[in-house]
Amino acid sequence: MNDDWFTGRTSGSVPALNVIENEKDYELEFAVPGLKKEELNLQVDNDGVMSISMVSKQEDSKTDNKRNYIRREFSYQRINQSYILPDDADHKNIKAKVENGVLTINIPKVPAESQAKAVKNIAIE
């Protein structure tokens, strides 16, 4: 298994990540303070690439109906990050939830006996 499938950061704007592994699954925790589940998107393709996109929308103007901002640094932010899942990840049974500013993704492991690659015999003419 590739133990470094979650190493490295592509930029400072990528959310902080915890990766926890046990016998049955992987658990990923992303720091997403202030984001709602509607602002998060999680997909896994047939090649085992998991993609996470996060969109945070804030008004850019210095005024709103109730406040007159002198400085306003909160703004629109879009983050896209992709990870190649390990061979023992069960792509079909991934679950995710967001609670208290943390996006938790649970990736079950496929039992070792189910991981055998399908072998196809090729007829020689």
C-alpha atoms as a PDB file:
ATOM      1  CA  MET A   1       0.000   0.000   0.000  1.00  0.00           C
ATOM      2  CA  ASN A   2       1.097   3.538  -0.691  1.00  0.00           C
ATOM      3  CA  ASP A   3       1.474   5.080   2.781  1.00  0.00           C
ATOM      4  CA  ASP A   4       1.968   8.608   1.492  1.00  0.00           C
ATOM      5  CA  TRP A   5      -1.283   9.039  -0.429  1.00  0.00           C
ATOM      6  CA  PHE A   6      -2.109  12.105   1.671  1.00  0.00           C
ATOM      7  CA  THR A   7       1.304  13.693   2.050  1.00  0.00           C
ATOM      8  CA  GLY A   8       2.225  17.118   0.851  1.00  0.00           C
ATOM      9  CA  ARG A   9       0.203  20.285   0.584  1.00  0.00           C
ATOM     10  CA  THR A  10      -0.333  22.096  -2.667  1.00  0.00           C
ATOM     11  CA  SER A  11      -0.881  25.535  -1.144  1.00  0.00           C
ATOM     12  CA  GLY A  12      -1.539  27.356   2.084  1.00  0.00           C
ATOM     13  CA  SER A  13      -5.217  27.677   1.211  1.00  0.00           C
ATOM     14  CA  VAL A  14      -5.817  23.923   1.355  1.00  0.00           C
ATOM     15  CA  PRO A  15      -7.709  23.066   4.560  1.00  0.00           C
ATOM     16  CA  ALA A  16      -5.830  21.356   7.372  1.00  0.00           C
ATOM     17  CA  LEU A  17      -6.251  17.583   7.188  1.00  0.00           C
ATOM     18  CA  ASN A  18      -6.054  14.717   9.672  1.00  0.00           C
ATOM     19  CA  VAL A  19      -5.870  11.144   8.335  1.00  0.00           C
ATOM     20  CA  ILE A  20      -6.657   8.319  10.743  1.00  0.00           C
ATOM     21  CA  GLU A  21      -6.310   4.642   9.830  1.00  0.00           C
ATOM     22  CA  ASN A  22      -7.475   1.559  11.657  1.00  0.00           C
ATOM     23  CA  GLU A  23      -8.124  -2.054  10.633  1.00  0.00           C
ATOM     24  CA  LYS A  24     -11.526  -1.366   9.076  1.00  0.00           C
ATOM     25  CA  ASP A  25     -11.338   2.119   7.561  1.00  0.00           C
ATOM     26  CA  TYR A  26      -9.691   5.457   6.932  1.00  0.00           C
ATOM     27  CA  GLU A  27     -11.111   8.602   8.466  1.00  0.00           C
ATOM     28  CA  LEU A  28     -10.273  12.009   7.038  1.00  0.00           C
ATOM     29  CA  GLU A  29     -10.968  15.215   8.927  1.00  0.00           C
ATOM     30  CA  PHE A  30     -10.810  18.521   7.049  1.00  0.00           C
ATOM     31  CA  ALA A  31     -10.969  21.859   8.865  1.00  0.00           C
ATOM     32  CA  VAL A  32     -13.796  23.775   7.157  1.00  0.00           C
ATOM     33  CA  PRO A  33     -14.819  26.442   9.685  1.00  0.00           C
ATOM     34  CA  GLY A  34     -17.882  28.398   8.689  1.00  0.00           C
ATOM     35  CA  LEU A  35     -18.737  26.246   5.666  1.00  0.00           C
ATOM     36  CA  LYS A  36     -22.143  24.631   5.311  1.00  0.00           C
ATOM     37  CA  LYS A  37     -22.715  21.258   3.685  1.00  0.00           C
ATOM     38  CA  GLU A  38     -24.236  23.043   0.674  1.00  0.00           C
ATOM     39  CA  GLU A  39     -20.827  24.649   0.049  1.00  0.00           C
ATOM     40  CA  LEU A  40     -19.007  21.294  -0.065  1.00  0.00           C
ATOM     41  CA  ASN A  41     -18.893  18.713  -2.846  1.00  0.00           C
ATOM     42  CA  LEU A  42     -17.300  15.266  -2.663  1.00  0.00           C
ATOM     43  CA  GLN A  43     -16.906  12.884  -5.613  1.00  0.00           C
ATOM     44  CA  VAL A  44     -15.054   9.638  -6.328  1.00  0.00           C
ATOM     45  CA  ASP A  45     -14.437   8.466  -9.881  1.00  0.00           C
ATOM     46  CA  ASN A  46     -14.009   4.901 -11.177  1.00  0.00           C
ATOM     47  CA  ASP A  47     -10.215   5.209 -10.962  1.00  0.00           C
ATOM     48  CA  GLY A  48     -10.329   5.825  -7.209  1.00  0.00           C
ATOM     49  CA  VAL A  49      -9.656   9.558  -7.348  1.00  0.00           C
ATOM     50  CA  MET A  50     -11.539  11.430  -4.653  1.00  0.00           C
ATOM     51  CA  SER A  51     -12.179  15.111  -5.382  1.00  0.00           C
ATOM     52  CA  ILE A  52     -13.277  17.662  -2.828  1.00  0.00           C
ATOM     53  CA  SER A  53     -14.435  21.144  -3.737  1.00  0.00           C
ATOM     54  CA  MET A  54     -15.302  23.877  -1.293  1.00  0.00           C
ATOM     55  CA  VAL A  55     -16.887  27.218  -2.109  1.00  0.00           C
ATOM     56  CA  SER A  56     -17.192  29.973   0.466  1.00  0.00           C
ATOM     57  CA  LYS A  57     -19.174  33.003  -0.666  1.00  0.00           C
ATOM     58  CA  GLN A  58     -18.951  36.376   1.035  1.00  0.00           C
ATOM     59  CA  GLU A  59     -19.895  39.794  -0.274  1.00  0.00           C
ATOM     60  CA  ASP A  60     -16.910  41.824  -1.465  1.00  0.00           C
ATOM     61  CA  SER A  61     -18.412  45.235  -0.759  1.00  0.00           C
ATOM     62  CA  LYS A  62     -17.615  47.092   2.419  1.00  0.00           C
ATOM     63  CA  THR A  63     -21.261  47.637   3.263  1.00  0.00           C
ATOM     64  CA  ASP A  64     -24.239  45.454   3.880  1.00  0.00           C
ATOM     65  CA  ASN A  65     -27.687  46.218   5.245  1.00  0.00           C
ATOM     66  CA  LYS A  66     -26.618  46.244   8.892  1.00  0.00           C
ATOM     67  CA  ARG A  67     -22.903  47.109   8.971  1.00  0.00           C
ATOM     68  CA  ASN A  68     -20.456  49.528   7.432  1.00  0.00           C
ATOM     69  CA  TYR A  69     -17.135  47.690   7.168  1.00  0.00           C
ATOM     70  CA  ILE A  70     -13.892  49.660   7.323  1.00  0.00           C
ATOM     71  CA  ARG A  71     -11.975  46.563   6.278  1.00  0.00           C
ATOM     72  CA  ARG A  72     -13.468  43.332   4.959  1.00  0.00           C
ATOM     73  CA  GLU A  73     -11.145  40.426   4.136  1.00  0.00           C
ATOM     74  CA  PHE A  74     -13.664  37.600   4.061  1.00  0.00           C
ATOM     75  CA  SER A  75     -14.323  36.871   0.420  1.00  0.00           C
ATOM     76  CA  TYR A  76     -15.293  34.321  -2.200  1.00  0.00           C
ATOM     77  CA  GLN A  77     -12.976  31.352  -2.012  1.00  0.00           C
ATOM     78  CA  ARG A  78     -12.961  28.171  -4.065  1.00  0.00           C
ATOM     79  CA  ILE A  79     -10.753  25.191  -3.221  1.00  0.00           C
ATOM     80  CA  ASN A  80     -10.446  22.009  -5.269  1.00  0.00           C
ATOM     81  CA  GLN A  81      -8.330  19.124  -4.049  1.00  0.00           C
ATOM     82  CA  SER A  82      -7.973  15.575  -5.383  1.00  0.00           C
ATOM     83  CA  TYR A  83      -6.529  12.474  -3.756  1.00  0.00           C
ATOM     84  CA  ILE A  84      -5.765   9.044  -5.189  1.00  0.00           C
ATOM     85  CA  LEU A  85      -7.272   6.563  -2.765  1.00  0.00           C
ATOM     86  CA  PRO A  86      -5.292   3.495  -1.684  1.00  0.00           C
ATOM     87  CA  ASP A  87      -5.993   0.139  -3.320  1.00  0.00           C
ATOM     88  CA  ASP A  88      -7.870  -1.175  -0.280  1.00  0.00           C
ATOM     89  CA  ALA A  89     -10.369   1.722  -0.182  1.00  0.00           C
ATOM     90  CA  ASP A  90     -14.010   0.776  -0.739  1.00  0.00           C
ATOM     91  CA  HIS A  91     -14.984   3.541  -3.182  1.00  0.00           C
ATOM     92  CA  LYS A  92     -18.665   2.571  -3.196  1.00  0.00           C
ATOM     93  CA  ASN A  93     -19.314   2.968   0.534  1.00  0.00           C
ATOM     94  CA  ILE A  94     -17.693   6.291   1.416  1.00  0.00           C
ATOM     95  CA  LYS A  95     -19.691   8.447   3.827  1.00  0.00           C
ATOM     96  CA  ALA A  96     -19.213  12.093   4.784  1.00  0.00           C
ATOM     97  CA  LYS A  97     -20.645  14.589   7.262  1.00  0.00           C
ATOM     98  CA  VAL A  98     -19.870  18.128   8.352  1.00  0.00           C
ATOM     99  CA  GLU A  99     -20.222  19.118  11.983  1.00  0.00           C
ATOM    100  CA  ASN A 100     -18.737  21.922  14.088  1.00  0.00           C
ATOM    101  CA  GLY A 101     -16.475  23.131  11.267  1.00  0.00           C
ATOM    102  CA  VAL A 102     -15.025  19.693  10.494  1.00  0.00           C
ATOM    103  CA  LEU A 103     -15.746  17.667   7.344  1.00  0.00           C
ATOM    104  CA  THR A 104     -15.342  13.995   8.280  1.00  0.00           C
ATOM    105  CA  ILE A 105     -15.007  11.439   5.483  1.00  0.00           C
ATOM    106  CA  ASN A 106     -15.162   7.739   6.335  1.00  0.00           C
ATOM    107  CA  ILE A 107     -13.599   5.412   3.753  1.00  0.00           C
ATOM    108  CA  PRO A 108     -14.130   1.718   4.554  1.00  0.00           C
ATOM    109  CA  LYS A 109     -11.438  -0.774   3.614  1.00  0.00           C
ATOM    110  CA  VAL A 110     -12.120  -3.699   1.317  1.00  0.00           C
ATOM    111  CA  PRO A 111     -11.262  -7.000   3.054  1.00  0.00           C
ATOM    112  CA  ALA A 112      -7.882  -8.368   1.949  1.00  0.00           C
ATOM    113  CA  GLU A 113      -9.434 -11.464   0.361  1.00  0.00           C
ATOM    114  CA  SER A 114     -11.577  -9.221  -1.875  1.00  0.00           C
ATOM    115  CA  GLN A 115      -8.623  -7.203  -3.152  1.00  0.00           C
ATOM    116  CA  ALA A 116      -7.296  -9.803  -5.572  1.00  0.00           C
ATOM    117  CA  LYS A 117      -7.053  -8.335  -9.043  1.00  0.00           C
ATOM    118  CA  ALA A 118      -9.116 -10.012 -11.714  1.00  0.00           C
ATOM    119  CA  VAL A 119      -6.916 -11.968 -14.104  1.00  0.00           C
ATOM    120  CA  LYS A 120      -8.052 -12.519 -17.648  1.00  0.00           C
ATOM    121  CA  ASN A 121      -6.530 -15.250 -19.782  1.00  0.00           C
ATOM    122  CA  ILE A 122      -5.784 -14.153 -23.316  1.00  0.00           C
ATOM    123  CA  ALA A 123      -6.030 -16.735 -26.061  1.00  0.00           C
ATOM    124  CA  ILE A 124      -2.962 -16.968 -28.268  1.00  0.00           C
ATOM    125  CA  GLU A 125      -3.744 -17.444 -31.950  1.00  0.00           C
END
